[in-house]
Amino acid sequence: MGVLTAGHTILCEDRNRRGGIKNIYLGEVANVASTTATVPHNYTAIGGLTGTGGTSKNVWKFQFDRETAYYTANATRENGSTVVEIELGFSIPKITEEINARLEELKETCGLFAVVETFADNGAGTPVTYHFVLGYDEVFSPDAFLEFSSGEQNTGTGLQDPNETVVKLKGFMAEYPREYVPSGAGIVIDSNAGIATALGYTLT
C-alpha cells in the first residue's frame, strides 16, 4: 500500500496564474480552539476565532504596500524527518508611532498564525481566490506557529526613497500549508454575520 494516490494535471487557468498576496489576517495560535481538516489538503473550519478588528476580536487584517507581500514554504528532509520552513513577509509604508506599536506586539507574541489570500484564482466564471493557513498544521500544532523574525525600518536618504517597515514572520511546520475552504459561499473566519461583513465576506 503506497502513499501516492494521484498525479497532477495542469489546466489552462493554472497557466494563466497571478502572483502575490491580496490580504493577510494574523491571529495568535492560542486562540485556535479546533480545526476541521479534510482531503485533499484543506481546512473547512477553524474554531475559536471571534472575528477581526475591535474590542474582543482576535484576528487582525494587516494592510501592506502593493506587490510587497509573499509567503514561501520550503521543505527539507534530514535523517528521515521532513520540516517545512515558512516565511511570510510584507512592507508597511511610513514609519509611525502606530506601526511601531504593532511591531512591539508582533515581537512579543508567543505564536502567530496567518490566513493569506493570494491573487491566484480558480479560473471560474466568478473566480474564487485561494486562502492558505500558515503557522498551524495537524502534526506540530500548536507548535507550528509563526514567530516575529525581523522588522526592518528604513527612512531612506532622498525625498523619493522608500520610508517603510519590512516585516518578516517565520515558522516550521510538518505539512505544507492547507487551503482554507469552509462550506458555503465565500471565506468565513467566524459564524457571526457582523464579523463576516467586517471581513468583507458573505455568509450563507
Protein backbone atom coordinates (compact mmCIF):
# COMPACT_ATOMS: atom_id res chain seq x y z
CA MET A 1 0.00 0.00 0.00
CA GLY A 2 1.62 3.23 -1.15
CA VAL A 3 1.21 6.84 -0.13
CA LEU A 4 0.95 8.43 -3.58
CA THR A 5 -2.70 8.41 -4.71
CA ALA A 6 -2.80 10.59 -7.86
CA GLY A 7 -0.85 12.55 -10.42
CA HIS A 8 -1.36 16.21 -11.32
CA THR A 9 -2.93 17.84 -14.38
CA ILE A 10 -2.11 21.42 -15.36
CA LEU A 11 -5.22 23.24 -16.57
CA CYS A 12 -5.48 26.37 -18.70
CA GLU A 13 -6.30 28.53 -15.67
CA ASP A 14 -3.17 27.21 -13.98
CA ARG A 15 -1.03 28.59 -16.79
CA ASN A 16 -2.78 31.97 -16.57
CA ARG A 17 -1.95 32.44 -12.91
CA ARG A 18 -1.20 35.54 -10.84
CA GLY A 19 1.47 36.03 -8.23
CA GLY A 20 1.37 37.94 -4.97
CA ILE A 21 -0.77 38.17 -1.85
CA LYS A 22 -4.02 40.13 -1.71
CA ASN A 23 -4.86 40.05 2.03
CA ILE A 24 -3.16 38.99 5.28
CA TYR A 25 -5.02 38.15 8.50
CA LEU A 26 -2.97 37.49 11.65
CA GLY A 27 -4.01 35.96 14.95
CA GLU A 28 -2.45 34.18 17.93
CA VAL A 29 -2.28 30.40 17.84
CA ALA A 30 -3.50 30.21 21.45
CA ASN A 31 -6.93 31.31 20.24
CA VAL A 32 -7.37 28.40 17.81
CA ALA A 33 -9.69 26.00 19.64
CA SER A 34 -10.16 23.43 16.88
CA THR A 35 -9.80 22.74 13.17
CA THR A 36 -11.62 20.52 10.71
CA ALA A 37 -9.13 19.06 8.25
CA THR A 38 -10.37 17.30 5.11
CA VAL A 39 -8.96 15.85 1.91
CA PRO A 40 -7.19 16.56 -0.26
CA HIS A 41 -5.39 19.12 1.95
CA ASN A 42 -7.57 21.83 3.48
CA TYR A 43 -9.43 23.18 6.48
CA THR A 44 -13.20 23.55 6.30
CA ALA A 45 -13.41 25.18 9.74
CA ILE A 46 -11.17 26.98 12.24
CA GLY A 47 -12.74 27.22 15.69
CA GLY A 48 -12.15 29.71 18.49
CA LEU A 49 -11.81 32.87 16.44
CA THR A 50 -14.01 35.85 17.20
CA GLY A 51 -13.57 37.95 14.10
CA THR A 52 -11.35 40.80 13.03
CA GLY A 53 -10.88 44.32 14.34
CA GLY A 54 -12.15 45.98 17.51
CA THR A 55 -12.73 45.00 21.12
CA SER A 56 -12.90 41.27 21.86
CA LYS A 57 -11.70 40.36 18.36
CA ASN A 58 -8.68 38.16 17.86
CA VAL A 59 -7.96 38.19 14.12
CA TRP A 60 -6.42 41.29 12.58
CA LYS A 61 -6.10 42.39 8.97
CA PHE A 62 -2.65 43.79 8.17
CA GLN A 63 -2.53 46.00 5.11
CA PHE A 64 0.70 46.47 3.18
CA ASP A 65 2.23 48.20 0.17
CA ARG A 66 1.04 46.55 -3.03
CA GLU A 67 3.32 43.94 -4.56
CA THR A 68 5.40 43.56 -1.38
CA ALA A 69 3.69 40.62 0.37
CA TYR A 70 4.67 36.99 -0.18
CA TYR A 71 4.96 33.65 1.52
CA THR A 72 7.37 30.80 0.91
CA ALA A 73 7.18 27.16 2.01
CA ASN A 74 10.42 25.23 1.66
CA ALA A 75 10.61 21.59 2.73
CA THR A 76 13.86 19.87 3.66
CA ARG A 77 14.46 16.28 4.72
CA GLU A 78 17.24 15.12 7.00
CA ASN A 79 17.69 11.89 8.96
CA GLY A 80 14.23 10.69 7.94
CA SER A 81 12.37 13.81 9.10
CA THR A 82 10.84 16.50 6.89
CA VAL A 83 10.31 20.07 8.04
CA VAL A 84 8.60 22.83 6.05
CA GLU A 85 10.07 26.26 6.74
CA ILE A 86 7.52 29.05 6.31
CA GLU A 87 8.26 32.72 5.73
CA LEU A 88 5.64 35.46 5.43
CA GLY A 89 6.83 38.93 4.50
CA PHE A 90 5.24 42.30 3.75
CA SER A 91 6.13 46.00 3.67
CA ILE A 92 4.22 48.73 5.53
CA PRO A 93 4.60 52.31 4.20
CA LYS A 94 5.85 55.07 6.52
CA ILE A 95 7.33 54.75 9.98
CA THR A 96 4.82 55.90 12.58
CA GLU A 97 4.01 55.50 16.26
CA GLU A 98 1.10 53.17 15.37
CA ILE A 99 3.31 50.91 13.26
CA ASN A 100 5.92 50.71 15.99
CA ALA A 101 3.21 49.74 18.49
CA ARG A 102 2.13 46.87 16.19
CA LEU A 103 5.76 45.78 15.84
CA GLU A 104 6.12 45.66 19.61
CA GLU A 105 3.04 43.44 19.81
CA LEU A 106 4.20 41.17 16.99
CA LYS A 107 7.61 40.63 18.57
CA GLU A 108 6.11 39.89 22.00
CA THR A 109 3.53 37.30 20.88
CA CYS A 110 4.01 33.66 21.84
CA GLY A 111 2.99 32.31 18.43
CA LEU A 112 1.09 33.57 15.40
CA PHE A 113 -0.91 32.03 12.59
CA ALA A 114 -1.93 33.67 9.34
CA VAL A 115 -4.69 33.30 6.76
CA VAL A 116 -3.35 34.69 3.49
CA GLU A 117 -5.38 35.32 0.35
CA THR A 118 -3.48 35.09 -2.92
CA PHE A 119 -4.30 36.83 -6.19
CA ALA A 120 -4.39 33.45 -7.94
CA ASP A 121 -7.90 32.11 -8.55
CA ASN A 122 -9.69 29.00 -9.79
CA GLY A 123 -10.49 30.43 -13.22
CA ALA A 124 -14.25 30.05 -12.79
CA GLY A 125 -16.78 32.46 -14.34
CA THR A 126 -17.00 34.07 -10.90
CA PRO A 127 -13.42 33.43 -9.82
CA VAL A 128 -12.62 32.38 -6.25
CA THR A 129 -9.19 33.20 -4.86
CA TYR A 130 -7.13 30.82 -2.74
CA HIS A 131 -6.64 31.24 1.02
CA PHE A 132 -3.91 29.38 2.91
CA VAL A 133 -3.28 28.85 6.62
CA LEU A 134 0.29 29.44 7.79
CA GLY A 135 1.58 28.66 11.26
CA TYR A 136 -0.86 25.85 12.02
CA ASP A 137 -0.97 22.21 10.94
CA GLU A 138 -2.25 18.81 12.01
CA VAL A 139 1.11 17.45 13.20
CA PHE A 140 3.13 20.07 15.06
CA SER A 141 0.39 22.45 16.21
CA PRO A 142 0.14 24.33 18.44
CA ASP A 143 3.93 24.40 17.93
CA ALA A 144 3.83 25.08 14.18
CA PHE A 145 3.36 28.78 14.90
CA LEU A 146 4.94 31.74 13.15
CA GLU A 147 7.33 33.97 15.07
CA PHE A 148 8.44 37.53 14.53
CA SER A 149 11.69 37.18 12.59
CA SER A 150 12.53 40.77 11.72
CA GLY A 151 11.07 44.25 11.37
CA GLU A 152 13.48 46.36 9.38
CA GLN A 153 12.77 50.10 9.23
CA ASN A 154 14.33 52.43 6.68
CA THR A 155 13.69 56.17 6.28
CA GLY A 156 15.81 56.42 3.14
CA THR A 157 18.06 59.38 2.39
CA GLY A 158 16.35 61.09 -0.55
CA LEU A 159 12.87 62.58 -0.84
CA GLN A 160 11.81 59.80 -3.23
CA ASP A 161 13.37 56.97 -1.23
CA PRO A 162 11.05 54.47 0.47
CA ASN A 163 10.05 55.20 4.06
CA GLU A 164 8.91 51.80 5.23
CA THR A 165 8.95 48.86 7.61
CA VAL A 166 9.62 45.40 6.18
CA VAL A 167 8.12 42.68 8.40
CA LYS A 168 9.09 39.01 8.26
CA LEU A 169 7.48 36.14 10.18
CA LYS A 170 8.94 32.65 10.17
CA GLY A 171 7.99 29.20 11.44
CA PHE A 172 8.39 25.47 10.96
CA MET A 173 5.54 23.16 10.00
CA ALA A 174 5.29 19.43 9.39
CA GLU A 175 2.91 19.92 6.46
CA TYR A 176 2.65 22.24 3.50
CA PRO A 177 0.05 24.97 4.19
CA ARG A 178 -3.56 23.83 3.95
CA GLU A 179 -6.07 25.78 1.91
CA TYR A 180 -8.90 27.34 3.91
CA VAL A 181 -12.13 26.23 2.17
CA PRO A 182 -15.09 26.47 4.54
CA SER A 183 -18.53 25.27 3.50
CA GLY A 184 -20.88 27.81 1.93
CA ALA A 185 -20.25 30.89 -0.17
CA GLY A 186 -17.08 32.81 0.47
CA ILE A 187 -14.48 32.57 3.21
CA VAL A 188 -15.66 32.96 6.78
CA ILE A 189 -13.48 33.30 9.85
CA ASP A 190 -16.44 33.25 12.21
CA SER A 191 -20.12 32.35 12.02
CA ASN A 192 -21.19 35.82 13.16
CA ALA A 193 -22.72 37.82 10.28
CA GLY A 194 -21.40 41.14 11.58
CA ILE A 195 -17.88 39.77 11.76
CA ALA A 196 -18.14 38.34 8.26
CA THR A 197 -19.32 41.71 6.97
CA ALA A 198 -16.36 43.42 8.62
CA LEU A 199 -14.09 40.96 6.83
CA GLY A 200 -15.77 41.62 3.51
CA TYR A 201 -17.16 38.08 3.26
CA THR A 202 -20.70 36.75 2.88
CA LEU A 203 -22.30 34.02 4.99
CA THR A 204 -24.88 31.56 3.64
